[in-house]
Amino acid sequence: MMNTFFAKNWFKLAIGAVLIAMIASFAYKLWFTNGVQDERLKAMKQAPSFQLQDLDGKTVSSKEMDGKVRLVYFFYSFCPDVCMPTSFLLSQVQDSLKQKGLLGTKAEIVSITVDPKRDTPEVLKEFGSRFESKPVPGGWTFLRGDEAKTHKLAEEFGIMVIKEKNGDFSHSNAILLVDSKGMLRNYYDAGNPELDADYIVKDVVTLSKGK
């Protein structure tokens, strides 16, 4: 009797099994990637917390940024090569986020200097003024703090910083993507010539929707 049932309904049962497998696979991805289907954006770990000073000397806490998607970049203004073009890229990202109405409300750019002794507030203000899309208060924030603690913070983010004998720094040239809950979601290789503002902004928009 049972064999007859399977013989008559094997096709329906097979289709049902496939559908169940597909639903289970979708549920698995939804659970383990927080609803983001792009594997690049799955949560990696909790981003390290920090308290640093902005260019007006006000203490800024990473906790205050919760609720906004963040792009974090460790740099220094005296950098002879990668920091300027990467900061220019961030200025393009800022411009795009502003046009989309996300800047300062659902998204923020955070540039943290690894060279606070030379990167005084005045120096960083001048650095920011070099870009056509100038830093918008609450949208693109420059931060500084104790040098040793900042280097430790960079290391906790997964960024290498080495101080050279001439006072310059070797560092990983990466932009970090942090979601609104403070989870690290992606590293962008800023040295990749194919990386552009649109690519980054697309991810920021995705996470700004709570994905």
N, C-alpha and C. Protein backbone atom coordinates (compact mmCIF):
# COMPACT_ATOMS: atom_id res chain seq x y z
N MET A 1 0.83 -1.21 0.00
CA MET A 1 0.00 0.00 0.00
C MET A 1 0.86 1.26 0.00
N MET A 2 1.84 1.28 0.92
CA MET A 2 2.75 2.42 1.04
C MET A 2 3.57 2.58 -0.22
N ASN A 3 4.03 1.44 -0.79
CA ASN A 3 4.82 1.50 -2.01
C ASN A 3 4.01 2.05 -3.18
N THR A 4 2.73 1.70 -3.21
CA THR A 4 1.85 2.22 -4.27
C THR A 4 1.69 3.72 -4.15
N PHE A 5 1.55 4.20 -2.90
CA PHE A 5 1.41 5.65 -2.66
C PHE A 5 2.62 6.40 -3.17
N PHE A 6 3.81 5.92 -2.83
CA PHE A 6 5.05 6.58 -3.28
C PHE A 6 5.20 6.52 -4.79
N ALA A 7 4.78 5.39 -5.37
CA ALA A 7 4.90 5.23 -6.82
C ALA A 7 4.04 6.24 -7.54
N LYS A 8 2.85 6.53 -7.01
CA LYS A 8 1.94 7.46 -7.66
C LYS A 8 2.28 8.93 -7.38
N ASN A 9 2.95 9.18 -6.26
CA ASN A 9 3.15 10.58 -5.84
C ASN A 9 4.62 10.99 -5.73
N TRP A 10 5.51 10.19 -6.32
CA TRP A 10 6.94 10.46 -6.15
C TRP A 10 7.33 11.83 -6.67
N PHE A 11 6.70 12.27 -7.76
CA PHE A 11 7.07 13.56 -8.35
C PHE A 11 6.69 14.71 -7.40
N LYS A 12 5.47 14.64 -6.86
CA LYS A 12 5.02 15.68 -5.92
C LYS A 12 5.89 15.70 -4.67
N LEU A 13 6.24 14.52 -4.19
CA LEU A 13 7.08 14.43 -2.99
C LEU A 13 8.48 15.00 -3.26
N ALA A 14 9.01 14.73 -4.45
CA ALA A 14 10.33 15.25 -4.80
C ALA A 14 10.32 16.77 -4.87
N ILE A 15 9.28 17.31 -5.53
CA ILE A 15 9.15 18.76 -5.61
C ILE A 15 9.01 19.37 -4.23
N GLY A 16 8.25 18.73 -3.38
CA GLY A 16 8.07 19.23 -2.00
C GLY A 16 9.37 19.24 -1.25
N ALA A 17 10.17 18.18 -1.43
CA ALA A 17 11.46 18.10 -0.75
C ALA A 17 12.40 19.21 -1.21
N VAL A 18 12.38 19.49 -2.51
CA VAL A 18 13.22 20.56 -3.06
C VAL A 18 12.81 21.90 -2.49
N LEU A 19 11.50 22.15 -2.43
CA LEU A 19 11.00 23.42 -1.90
C LEU A 19 11.37 23.59 -0.44
N ILE A 20 11.25 22.52 0.34
CA ILE A 20 11.62 22.57 1.75
C ILE A 20 13.10 22.89 1.91
N ALA A 21 13.93 22.27 1.05
CA ALA A 21 15.37 22.51 1.10
C ALA A 21 15.69 23.97 0.76
N MET A 22 14.97 24.51 -0.26
CA MET A 22 15.20 25.89 -0.66
C MET A 22 14.80 26.86 0.45
N ILE A 23 13.67 26.61 1.09
CA ILE A 23 13.20 27.46 2.18
C ILE A 23 14.17 27.39 3.36
N ALA A 24 14.65 26.18 3.66
CA ALA A 24 15.60 26.02 4.77
C ALA A 24 16.89 26.77 4.48
N SER A 25 17.35 26.69 3.22
CA SER A 25 18.57 27.38 2.83
C SER A 25 18.40 28.88 2.96
N PHE A 26 17.25 29.39 2.51
CA PHE A 26 16.98 30.83 2.60
C PHE A 26 16.93 31.28 4.05
N ALA A 27 16.25 30.48 4.91
CA ALA A 27 16.14 30.82 6.33
C ALA A 27 17.51 30.83 6.99
N TYR A 28 18.36 29.87 6.60
CA TYR A 28 19.72 29.80 7.14
C TYR A 28 20.50 31.06 6.82
N LYS A 29 20.44 31.48 5.54
CA LYS A 29 21.17 32.68 5.12
C LYS A 29 20.62 33.92 5.82
N LEU A 30 19.29 33.98 5.95
CA LEU A 30 18.67 35.14 6.58
C LEU A 30 19.08 35.24 8.04
N TRP A 31 19.19 34.10 8.72
CA TRP A 31 19.56 34.08 10.14
C TRP A 31 21.02 34.44 10.34
N PHE A 32 21.89 33.82 9.57
CA PHE A 32 23.31 33.98 9.82
C PHE A 32 23.92 35.19 9.12
N THR A 33 23.20 35.87 8.23
CA THR A 33 23.75 37.07 7.61
C THR A 33 22.91 38.29 7.93
N ASN A 34 22.06 38.15 9.01
CA ASN A 34 21.24 39.29 9.45
C ASN A 34 20.39 39.85 8.31
N GLY A 35 19.93 39.00 7.42
CA GLY A 35 19.06 39.45 6.35
C GLY A 35 19.79 39.99 5.15
N VAL A 36 21.11 40.05 5.19
CA VAL A 36 21.88 40.54 4.05
C VAL A 36 22.30 39.37 3.20
N GLN A 37 21.83 39.33 1.97
CA GLN A 37 22.13 38.19 1.11
C GLN A 37 23.55 38.24 0.56
N ASP A 38 24.13 39.43 0.54
CA ASP A 38 25.51 39.57 0.07
C ASP A 38 26.45 39.09 1.17
N GLU A 39 27.19 38.02 0.91
CA GLU A 39 28.07 37.45 1.92
C GLU A 39 29.13 38.45 2.39
N ARG A 40 29.45 39.43 1.55
CA ARG A 40 30.45 40.41 1.93
C ARG A 40 30.00 41.22 3.15
N LEU A 41 28.71 41.34 3.33
CA LEU A 41 28.18 42.22 4.36
C LEU A 41 27.73 41.50 5.63
N LYS A 42 28.02 40.23 5.75
CA LYS A 42 27.61 39.54 6.97
C LYS A 42 28.43 40.06 8.15
N ALA A 43 27.82 40.10 9.31
CA ALA A 43 28.47 40.61 10.51
C ALA A 43 29.71 39.80 10.85
N MET A 44 30.85 40.50 11.06
CA MET A 44 32.10 39.84 11.40
C MET A 44 32.30 39.77 12.92
N LYS A 45 32.22 40.95 13.54
CA LYS A 45 32.41 41.03 14.99
C LYS A 45 31.96 42.41 15.44
N GLN A 46 31.88 42.58 16.76
CA GLN A 46 31.56 43.89 17.31
C GLN A 46 32.76 44.81 17.10
N ALA A 47 32.51 45.98 16.54
CA ALA A 47 33.59 46.94 16.34
C ALA A 47 34.05 47.47 17.70
N PRO A 48 35.33 47.71 17.88
CA PRO A 48 35.82 48.21 19.17
C PRO A 48 35.25 49.59 19.48
N SER A 49 34.99 49.85 20.74
CA SER A 49 34.46 51.15 21.16
C SER A 49 35.61 52.12 21.38
N PHE A 50 35.32 53.41 21.34
CA PHE A 50 36.37 54.41 21.55
C PHE A 50 35.78 55.73 22.02
N GLN A 51 36.65 56.55 22.60
CA GLN A 51 36.34 57.93 22.95
C GLN A 51 37.51 58.78 22.46
N LEU A 52 37.25 59.66 21.51
CA LEU A 52 38.28 60.50 20.93
C LEU A 52 37.77 61.94 20.88
N GLN A 53 38.65 62.86 20.47
CA GLN A 53 38.26 64.27 20.42
C GLN A 53 38.06 64.72 18.97
N ASP A 54 37.00 65.54 18.77
CA ASP A 54 36.81 66.10 17.44
C ASP A 54 37.66 67.36 17.30
N LEU A 55 37.53 68.09 16.22
CA LEU A 55 38.41 69.23 15.96
C LEU A 55 38.08 70.44 16.82
N ASP A 56 36.99 70.36 17.57
CA ASP A 56 36.64 71.42 18.51
C ASP A 56 37.00 71.03 19.94
N GLY A 57 37.66 69.87 20.09
CA GLY A 57 38.07 69.41 21.41
C GLY A 57 36.99 68.68 22.18
N LYS A 58 35.84 68.45 21.55
CA LYS A 58 34.75 67.75 22.21
C LYS A 58 34.99 66.24 22.15
N THR A 59 34.73 65.57 23.28
CA THR A 59 34.88 64.11 23.32
C THR A 59 33.72 63.45 22.57
N VAL A 60 34.08 62.58 21.65
CA VAL A 60 33.10 61.86 20.84
C VAL A 60 33.22 60.37 21.12
N SER A 61 32.11 59.76 21.45
CA SER A 61 32.10 58.33 21.75
C SER A 61 31.50 57.55 20.60
N SER A 62 32.06 56.37 20.35
CA SER A 62 31.51 55.51 19.30
C SER A 62 30.06 55.14 19.61
N LYS A 63 29.72 55.12 20.90
CA LYS A 63 28.36 54.78 21.31
C LYS A 63 27.38 55.81 20.79
N GLU A 64 27.83 57.07 20.71
CA GLU A 64 26.96 58.14 20.22
C GLU A 64 26.61 57.95 18.75
N MET A 65 27.41 57.16 18.05
CA MET A 65 27.19 56.95 16.62
C MET A 65 26.26 55.79 16.32
N ASP A 66 25.88 55.05 17.37
CA ASP A 66 24.95 53.94 17.15
C ASP A 66 23.66 54.49 16.55
N GLY A 67 23.11 53.74 15.63
CA GLY A 67 21.93 54.20 14.90
C GLY A 67 22.29 54.68 13.51
N LYS A 68 23.60 54.86 13.28
CA LYS A 68 24.08 55.27 11.95
C LYS A 68 25.10 54.27 11.44
N VAL A 69 25.08 54.05 10.14
CA VAL A 69 26.11 53.23 9.50
C VAL A 69 27.36 54.09 9.41
N ARG A 70 28.53 53.50 9.73
CA ARG A 70 29.77 54.27 9.75
C ARG A 70 30.83 53.71 8.80
N LEU A 71 31.53 54.62 8.18
CA LEU A 71 32.74 54.27 7.42
C LEU A 71 33.91 54.83 8.21
N VAL A 72 34.79 53.96 8.67
CA VAL A 72 35.90 54.36 9.53
C VAL A 72 37.21 54.22 8.76
N TYR A 73 38.03 55.29 8.82
CA TYR A 73 39.30 55.28 8.08
C TYR A 73 40.41 55.82 8.97
N PHE A 74 41.47 55.02 9.16
CA PHE A 74 42.66 55.46 9.90
C PHE A 74 43.66 56.03 8.89
N PHE A 75 44.14 57.25 9.17
CA PHE A 75 44.97 57.97 8.20
C PHE A 75 45.87 58.96 8.95
N TYR A 76 46.65 59.73 8.21
CA TYR A 76 47.31 60.92 8.77
C TYR A 76 47.58 61.89 7.63
N SER A 77 47.51 63.17 7.93
CA SER A 77 47.53 64.19 6.87
C SER A 77 48.89 64.35 6.20
N PHE A 78 49.96 63.94 6.88
CA PHE A 78 51.30 64.06 6.31
C PHE A 78 51.67 62.84 5.47
N CYS A 79 50.74 61.93 5.31
CA CYS A 79 50.95 60.71 4.53
C CYS A 79 51.38 61.08 3.11
N PRO A 80 52.49 60.51 2.62
CA PRO A 80 53.01 60.90 1.31
C PRO A 80 52.33 60.22 0.12
N ASP A 81 51.45 59.26 0.39
CA ASP A 81 50.89 58.53 -0.75
C ASP A 81 49.40 58.23 -0.67
N VAL A 82 48.98 57.27 0.12
CA VAL A 82 47.63 56.72 -0.01
C VAL A 82 46.51 57.50 0.68
N CYS A 83 46.84 58.26 1.71
CA CYS A 83 45.79 58.89 2.53
C CYS A 83 45.01 59.96 1.79
N MET A 84 45.70 60.76 0.98
CA MET A 84 45.01 61.82 0.26
C MET A 84 44.02 61.26 -0.76
N PRO A 85 44.43 60.35 -1.66
CA PRO A 85 43.46 59.81 -2.62
C PRO A 85 42.31 59.05 -1.96
N THR A 86 42.59 58.37 -0.84
CA THR A 86 41.52 57.65 -0.15
C THR A 86 40.55 58.63 0.50
N SER A 87 41.09 59.71 1.06
CA SER A 87 40.22 60.74 1.65
C SER A 87 39.40 61.43 0.57
N PHE A 88 39.99 61.59 -0.62
CA PHE A 88 39.23 62.15 -1.74
C PHE A 88 38.06 61.23 -2.10
N LEU A 89 38.33 59.92 -2.08
CA LEU A 89 37.27 58.94 -2.34
C LEU A 89 36.16 59.09 -1.31
N LEU A 90 36.53 59.28 -0.03
CA LEU A 90 35.54 59.46 1.02
C LEU A 90 34.75 60.75 0.82
N SER A 91 35.39 61.76 0.27
CA SER A 91 34.67 63.01 -0.01
C SER A 91 33.60 62.77 -1.08
N GLN A 92 33.90 61.90 -2.04
CA GLN A 92 32.91 61.54 -3.06
C GLN A 92 31.77 60.73 -2.44
N VAL A 93 32.12 59.84 -1.51
CA VAL A 93 31.10 59.08 -0.80
C VAL A 93 30.20 60.03 -0.02
N GLN A 94 30.82 61.00 0.65
CA GLN A 94 30.06 61.98 1.42
C GLN A 94 29.06 62.71 0.52
N ASP A 95 29.53 63.14 -0.63
CA ASP A 95 28.69 63.89 -1.55
C ASP A 95 27.48 63.05 -1.99
N SER A 96 27.72 61.77 -2.28
CA SER A 96 26.65 60.88 -2.70
C SER A 96 25.65 60.63 -1.57
N LEU A 97 26.16 60.40 -0.36
CA LEU A 97 25.28 60.16 0.79
C LEU A 97 24.45 61.40 1.10
N LYS A 98 25.05 62.56 0.90
CA LYS A 98 24.32 63.82 1.12
C LYS A 98 23.18 63.95 0.12
N GLN A 99 23.44 63.61 -1.13
CA GLN A 99 22.43 63.69 -2.17
C GLN A 99 21.28 62.73 -1.90
N LYS A 100 21.59 61.60 -1.26
CA LYS A 100 20.56 60.59 -0.97
C LYS A 100 19.83 60.88 0.35
N GLY A 101 20.25 61.94 1.05
CA GLY A 101 19.60 62.30 2.30
C GLY A 101 19.98 61.43 3.48
N LEU A 102 21.10 60.71 3.38
CA LEU A 102 21.52 59.79 4.45
C LEU A 102 22.61 60.37 5.35
N LEU A 103 23.35 61.35 4.83
CA LEU A 103 24.51 61.87 5.56
C LEU A 103 24.09 62.56 6.86
N GLY A 104 24.68 62.10 7.95
CA GLY A 104 24.42 62.71 9.25
C GLY A 104 23.17 62.20 9.94
N THR A 105 22.31 61.53 9.19
CA THR A 105 21.08 60.99 9.78
C THR A 105 21.17 59.48 9.92
N LYS A 106 21.52 58.82 8.82
CA LYS A 106 21.63 57.36 8.84
C LYS A 106 23.04 56.88 8.52
N ALA A 107 23.92 57.80 8.16
CA ALA A 107 25.29 57.40 7.80
C ALA A 107 26.28 58.48 8.19
N GLU A 108 27.50 58.05 8.50
CA GLU A 108 28.55 58.99 8.91
C GLU A 108 29.91 58.45 8.50
N ILE A 109 30.80 59.36 8.15
CA ILE A 109 32.19 59.00 7.83
C ILE A 109 33.06 59.46 9.01
N VAL A 110 33.97 58.59 9.44
CA VAL A 110 34.84 58.90 10.58
C VAL A 110 36.30 58.68 10.17
N SER A 111 37.07 59.76 10.14
CA SER A 111 38.50 59.67 9.83
C SER A 111 39.28 59.88 11.11
N ILE A 112 40.11 58.90 11.47
CA ILE A 112 40.87 58.94 12.73
C ILE A 112 42.36 59.03 12.42
N THR A 113 43.01 60.09 12.89
CA THR A 113 44.43 60.23 12.62
C THR A 113 45.27 59.35 13.53
N VAL A 114 46.30 58.74 12.95
CA VAL A 114 47.25 57.93 13.72
C VAL A 114 48.46 58.78 14.11
N ASP A 115 48.41 60.07 13.76
CA ASP A 115 49.54 60.99 13.98
C ASP A 115 49.05 62.26 14.69
N PRO A 116 48.50 62.11 15.91
CA PRO A 116 47.88 63.26 16.59
C PRO A 116 48.86 64.37 16.97
N LYS A 117 50.15 64.06 17.08
CA LYS A 117 51.12 65.10 17.46
C LYS A 117 51.25 66.13 16.35
N ARG A 118 51.31 65.69 15.11
CA ARG A 118 51.40 66.62 13.99
C ARG A 118 50.02 67.04 13.49
N ASP A 119 49.07 66.12 13.59
CA ASP A 119 47.72 66.42 13.11
C ASP A 119 46.93 67.14 14.20
N THR A 120 47.25 68.41 14.37
CA THR A 120 46.51 69.25 15.31
C THR A 120 45.14 69.55 14.71
N PRO A 121 44.20 70.06 15.50
CA PRO A 121 42.90 70.43 14.94
C PRO A 121 43.02 71.40 13.76
N GLU A 122 43.95 72.34 13.85
CA GLU A 122 44.13 73.31 12.78
C GLU A 122 44.62 72.62 11.49
N VAL A 123 45.56 71.70 11.65
CA VAL A 123 46.09 70.97 10.49
C VAL A 123 44.99 70.13 9.83
N LEU A 124 44.17 69.47 10.64
CA LEU A 124 43.12 68.62 10.08
C LEU A 124 42.01 69.44 9.43
N LYS A 125 41.73 70.62 9.98
CA LYS A 125 40.74 71.48 9.34
C LYS A 125 41.23 71.92 7.96
N GLU A 126 42.53 72.23 7.88
CA GLU A 126 43.09 72.62 6.59
C GLU A 126 43.07 71.45 5.62
N PHE A 127 43.36 70.25 6.14
CA PHE A 127 43.34 69.04 5.31
C PHE A 127 41.96 68.82 4.71
N GLY A 128 40.93 68.95 5.53
CA GLY A 128 39.57 68.75 5.06
C GLY A 128 39.12 69.79 4.06
N SER A 129 39.68 70.98 4.16
CA SER A 129 39.28 72.07 3.26
C SER A 129 39.81 71.88 1.85
N ARG A 130 40.71 70.91 1.63
CA ARG A 130 41.29 70.69 0.31
C ARG A 130 40.31 70.04 -0.66
N PHE A 131 39.25 69.44 -0.14
CA PHE A 131 38.33 68.70 -0.99
C PHE A 131 37.15 69.57 -1.41
N GLU A 132 36.70 69.34 -2.63
CA GLU A 132 35.56 70.10 -3.14
C GLU A 132 34.33 69.82 -2.28
N SER A 133 34.13 68.55 -1.93
CA SER A 133 33.06 68.18 -1.00
C SER A 133 33.64 68.22 0.40
N LYS A 134 33.60 69.39 1.03
CA LYS A 134 34.24 69.58 2.34
C LYS A 134 33.48 68.84 3.44
N PRO A 135 34.18 68.42 4.49
CA PRO A 135 33.54 67.68 5.58
C PRO A 135 32.33 68.41 6.14
N VAL A 136 31.22 67.71 6.23
CA VAL A 136 29.98 68.26 6.77
C VAL A 136 29.88 67.89 8.24
N PRO A 137 29.69 68.87 9.15
CA PRO A 137 29.56 68.55 10.58
C PRO A 137 28.47 67.50 10.82
N GLY A 138 28.85 66.46 11.55
CA GLY A 138 27.90 65.38 11.82
C GLY A 138 27.81 64.37 10.70
N GLY A 139 28.49 64.68 9.58
CA GLY A 139 28.46 63.76 8.45
C GLY A 139 29.80 63.14 8.17
N TRP A 140 30.84 63.98 8.25
CA TRP A 140 32.22 63.49 8.10
C TRP A 140 33.02 64.09 9.25
N THR A 141 33.39 63.26 10.20
CA THR A 141 34.04 63.70 11.43
C THR A 141 35.50 63.27 11.47
N PHE A 142 36.39 64.23 11.79
CA PHE A 142 37.81 63.94 11.98
C PHE A 142 38.07 63.85 13.48
N LEU A 143 38.73 62.77 13.89
CA LEU A 143 38.98 62.53 15.31
C LEU A 143 40.46 62.31 15.59
N ARG A 144 40.84 62.64 16.81
CA ARG A 144 42.23 62.44 17.24
C ARG A 144 42.24 62.11 18.73
N GLY A 145 43.37 61.52 19.18
CA GLY A 145 43.48 61.17 20.60
C GLY A 145 44.92 60.79 20.92
N ASP A 146 45.11 60.13 22.03
CA ASP A 146 46.44 59.68 22.42
C ASP A 146 47.00 58.75 21.35
N GLU A 147 48.26 58.96 20.97
CA GLU A 147 48.85 58.19 19.86
C GLU A 147 48.86 56.69 20.12
N ALA A 148 49.37 56.28 21.27
CA ALA A 148 49.47 54.85 21.58
C ALA A 148 48.09 54.19 21.64
N LYS A 149 47.12 54.88 22.25
CA LYS A 149 45.77 54.32 22.36
C LYS A 149 45.10 54.24 20.98
N THR A 150 45.40 55.23 20.13
CA THR A 150 44.83 55.22 18.78
C THR A 150 45.38 54.06 17.97
N HIS A 151 46.69 53.80 18.13
CA HIS A 151 47.29 52.68 17.41
C HIS A 151 46.72 51.35 17.90
N LYS A 152 46.45 51.27 19.20
CA LYS A 152 45.84 50.06 19.75
C LYS A 152 44.42 49.89 19.22
N LEU A 153 43.70 51.00 19.11
CA LEU A 153 42.35 50.97 18.56
C LEU A 153 42.38 50.48 17.12
N ALA A 154 43.33 51.01 16.35
CA ALA A 154 43.46 50.58 14.95
C ALA A 154 43.71 49.07 14.87
N GLU A 155 44.58 48.59 15.74
CA GLU A 155 44.89 47.16 15.77
C GLU A 155 43.65 46.34 16.09
N GLU A 156 42.81 46.84 17.01
CA GLU A 156 41.59 46.14 17.38
C GLU A 156 40.61 46.10 16.20
N PHE A 157 40.67 47.11 15.35
CA PHE A 157 39.86 47.14 14.15
C PHE A 157 40.43 46.22 13.06
N GLY A 158 41.70 45.80 13.24
CA GLY A 158 42.34 44.96 12.23
C GLY A 158 43.24 45.75 11.30
N ILE A 159 43.60 46.98 11.73
CA ILE A 159 44.44 47.85 10.92
C ILE A 159 45.86 47.89 11.50
N MET A 160 46.85 47.61 10.66
CA MET A 160 48.24 47.66 11.10
C MET A 160 48.75 49.10 11.03
N VAL A 161 49.45 49.54 12.09
CA VAL A 161 50.09 50.86 12.11
C VAL A 161 51.50 50.70 12.65
N ILE A 162 52.49 51.12 11.89
CA ILE A 162 53.89 51.06 12.31
C ILE A 162 54.52 52.45 12.17
N LYS A 163 55.11 52.94 13.25
CA LYS A 163 55.76 54.25 13.20
C LYS A 163 57.19 54.09 12.68
N GLU A 164 57.52 54.83 11.64
CA GLU A 164 58.84 54.77 11.04
C GLU A 164 59.80 55.72 11.75
N LYS A 165 61.10 55.55 11.53
CA LYS A 165 62.11 56.37 12.19
C LYS A 165 62.01 57.85 11.83
N ASN A 166 61.52 58.12 10.62
CA ASN A 166 61.41 59.51 10.18
C ASN A 166 60.14 60.21 10.68
N GLY A 167 59.34 59.48 11.48
CA GLY A 167 58.12 60.06 12.04
C GLY A 167 56.87 59.78 11.24
N ASP A 168 57.03 59.22 10.04
CA ASP A 168 55.87 58.84 9.25
C ASP A 168 55.35 57.48 9.71
N PHE A 169 54.26 57.04 9.09
CA PHE A 169 53.63 55.79 9.51
C PHE A 169 53.32 54.90 8.31
N SER A 170 53.55 53.62 8.50
CA SER A 170 53.06 52.62 7.54
C SER A 170 51.77 52.07 8.14
N HIS A 171 50.73 51.98 7.33
CA HIS A 171 49.46 51.50 7.86
C HIS A 171 48.64 50.82 6.78
N SER A 172 47.76 49.95 7.21
CA SER A 172 46.84 49.30 6.28
C SER A 172 45.91 50.35 5.71
N ASN A 173 45.82 50.38 4.39
CA ASN A 173 44.96 51.38 3.76
C ASN A 173 43.60 50.78 3.46
N ALA A 174 42.78 50.70 4.49
CA ALA A 174 41.47 50.08 4.36
C ALA A 174 40.40 50.97 4.97
N ILE A 175 39.22 50.94 4.35
CA ILE A 175 38.05 51.63 4.89
C ILE A 175 37.17 50.57 5.53
N LEU A 176 36.72 50.82 6.74
CA LEU A 176 35.95 49.84 7.50
C LEU A 176 34.47 50.22 7.49
N LEU A 177 33.62 49.25 7.27
CA LEU A 177 32.17 49.47 7.27
C LEU A 177 31.58 48.90 8.55
N VAL A 178 30.93 49.78 9.32
CA VAL A 178 30.31 49.39 10.59
C VAL A 178 28.82 49.69 10.51
N ASP A 179 27.99 48.74 10.92
CA ASP A 179 26.55 48.97 10.81
C ASP A 179 26.01 49.81 11.96
N SER A 180 24.71 50.07 11.95
CA SER A 180 24.10 50.96 12.94
C SER A 180 24.10 50.39 14.35
N LYS A 181 24.37 49.09 14.48
CA LYS A 181 24.44 48.47 15.79
C LYS A 181 25.87 48.28 16.27
N GLY A 182 26.82 48.81 15.48
CA GLY A 182 28.21 48.72 15.89
C GLY A 182 28.90 47.43 15.50
N MET A 183 28.32 46.70 14.53
CA MET A 183 28.94 45.47 14.07
C MET A 183 29.79 45.75 12.83
N LEU A 184 31.01 45.21 12.82
CA LEU A 184 31.89 45.36 11.67
C LEU A 184 31.38 44.48 10.54
N ARG A 185 31.16 45.09 9.36
CA ARG A 185 30.55 44.36 8.26
C ARG A 185 31.48 44.13 7.07
N ASN A 186 32.45 45.03 6.85
CA ASN A 186 33.29 44.85 5.66
C ASN A 186 34.56 45.67 5.76
N TYR A 187 35.59 45.23 5.04
CA TYR A 187 36.84 45.98 4.84
C TYR A 187 36.94 46.28 3.34
N TYR A 188 37.15 47.53 3.00
CA TYR A 188 37.38 47.89 1.60
C TYR A 188 38.87 48.17 1.40
N ASP A 189 39.46 47.50 0.46
CA ASP A 189 40.85 47.75 0.11
C ASP A 189 40.91 49.04 -0.69
N ALA A 190 41.34 50.13 -0.04
CA ALA A 190 41.35 51.43 -0.70
C ALA A 190 42.40 51.52 -1.80
N GLY A 191 43.30 50.54 -1.86
CA GLY A 191 44.30 50.51 -2.90
C GLY A 191 43.82 49.83 -4.17
N ASN A 192 42.61 49.28 -4.12
CA ASN A 192 42.04 48.62 -5.28
C ASN A 192 41.57 49.67 -6.29
N PRO A 193 42.16 49.73 -7.47
CA PRO A 193 41.78 50.76 -8.44
C PRO A 193 40.33 50.66 -8.91
N GLU A 194 39.70 49.51 -8.70
CA GLU A 194 38.30 49.34 -9.12
C GLU A 194 37.31 49.81 -8.06
N LEU A 195 37.82 50.12 -6.85
CA LEU A 195 36.93 50.60 -5.78
C LEU A 195 36.52 52.03 -6.07
N ASP A 196 35.21 52.28 -6.09
CA ASP A 196 34.75 53.65 -6.30
C ASP A 196 33.66 53.99 -5.29
N ALA A 197 33.24 55.24 -5.29
CA ALA A 197 32.27 55.72 -4.31
C ALA A 197 30.94 54.99 -4.43
N ASP A 198 30.50 54.72 -5.64
CA ASP A 198 29.21 54.07 -5.85
C ASP A 198 29.16 52.69 -5.20
N TYR A 199 30.27 51.97 -5.28
CA TYR A 199 30.35 50.62 -4.71
C TYR A 199 30.16 50.69 -3.19
N ILE A 200 30.84 51.64 -2.56
CA ILE A 200 30.74 51.79 -1.11
C ILE A 200 29.37 52.29 -0.70
N VAL A 201 28.87 53.29 -1.41
CA VAL A 201 27.57 53.89 -1.08
C VAL A 201 26.46 52.86 -1.18
N LYS A 202 26.54 51.98 -2.15
CA LYS A 202 25.53 50.93 -2.30
C LYS A 202 25.42 50.09 -1.04
N ASP A 203 26.56 49.72 -0.46
CA ASP A 203 26.57 48.94 0.78
C ASP A 203 26.02 49.74 1.94
N VAL A 204 26.38 51.01 2.02
CA VAL A 204 25.90 51.87 3.10
C VAL A 204 24.38 51.99 3.02
N VAL A 205 23.86 52.16 1.83
CA VAL A 205 22.41 52.25 1.63
C VAL A 205 21.74 50.96 2.08
N THR A 206 22.31 49.81 1.72
CA THR A 206 21.76 48.52 2.13
C THR A 206 21.67 48.41 3.63
N LEU A 207 22.76 48.75 4.33
CA LEU A 207 22.77 48.63 5.79
C LEU A 207 21.91 49.70 6.46
N SER A 208 21.75 50.84 5.81
CA SER A 208 20.93 51.91 6.39
C SER A 208 19.46 51.51 6.47
N LYS A 209 19.10 50.48 5.71
CA LYS A 209 17.73 49.98 5.72
C LYS A 209 17.52 48.93 6.81
N GLY A 210 18.56 48.75 7.63
CA GLY A 210 18.45 47.82 8.74
C GLY A 210 18.73 46.39 8.36
N LYS A 211 19.35 46.17 7.21
CA LYS A 211 19.65 44.81 6.73
C LYS A 211 20.81 44.21 7.53
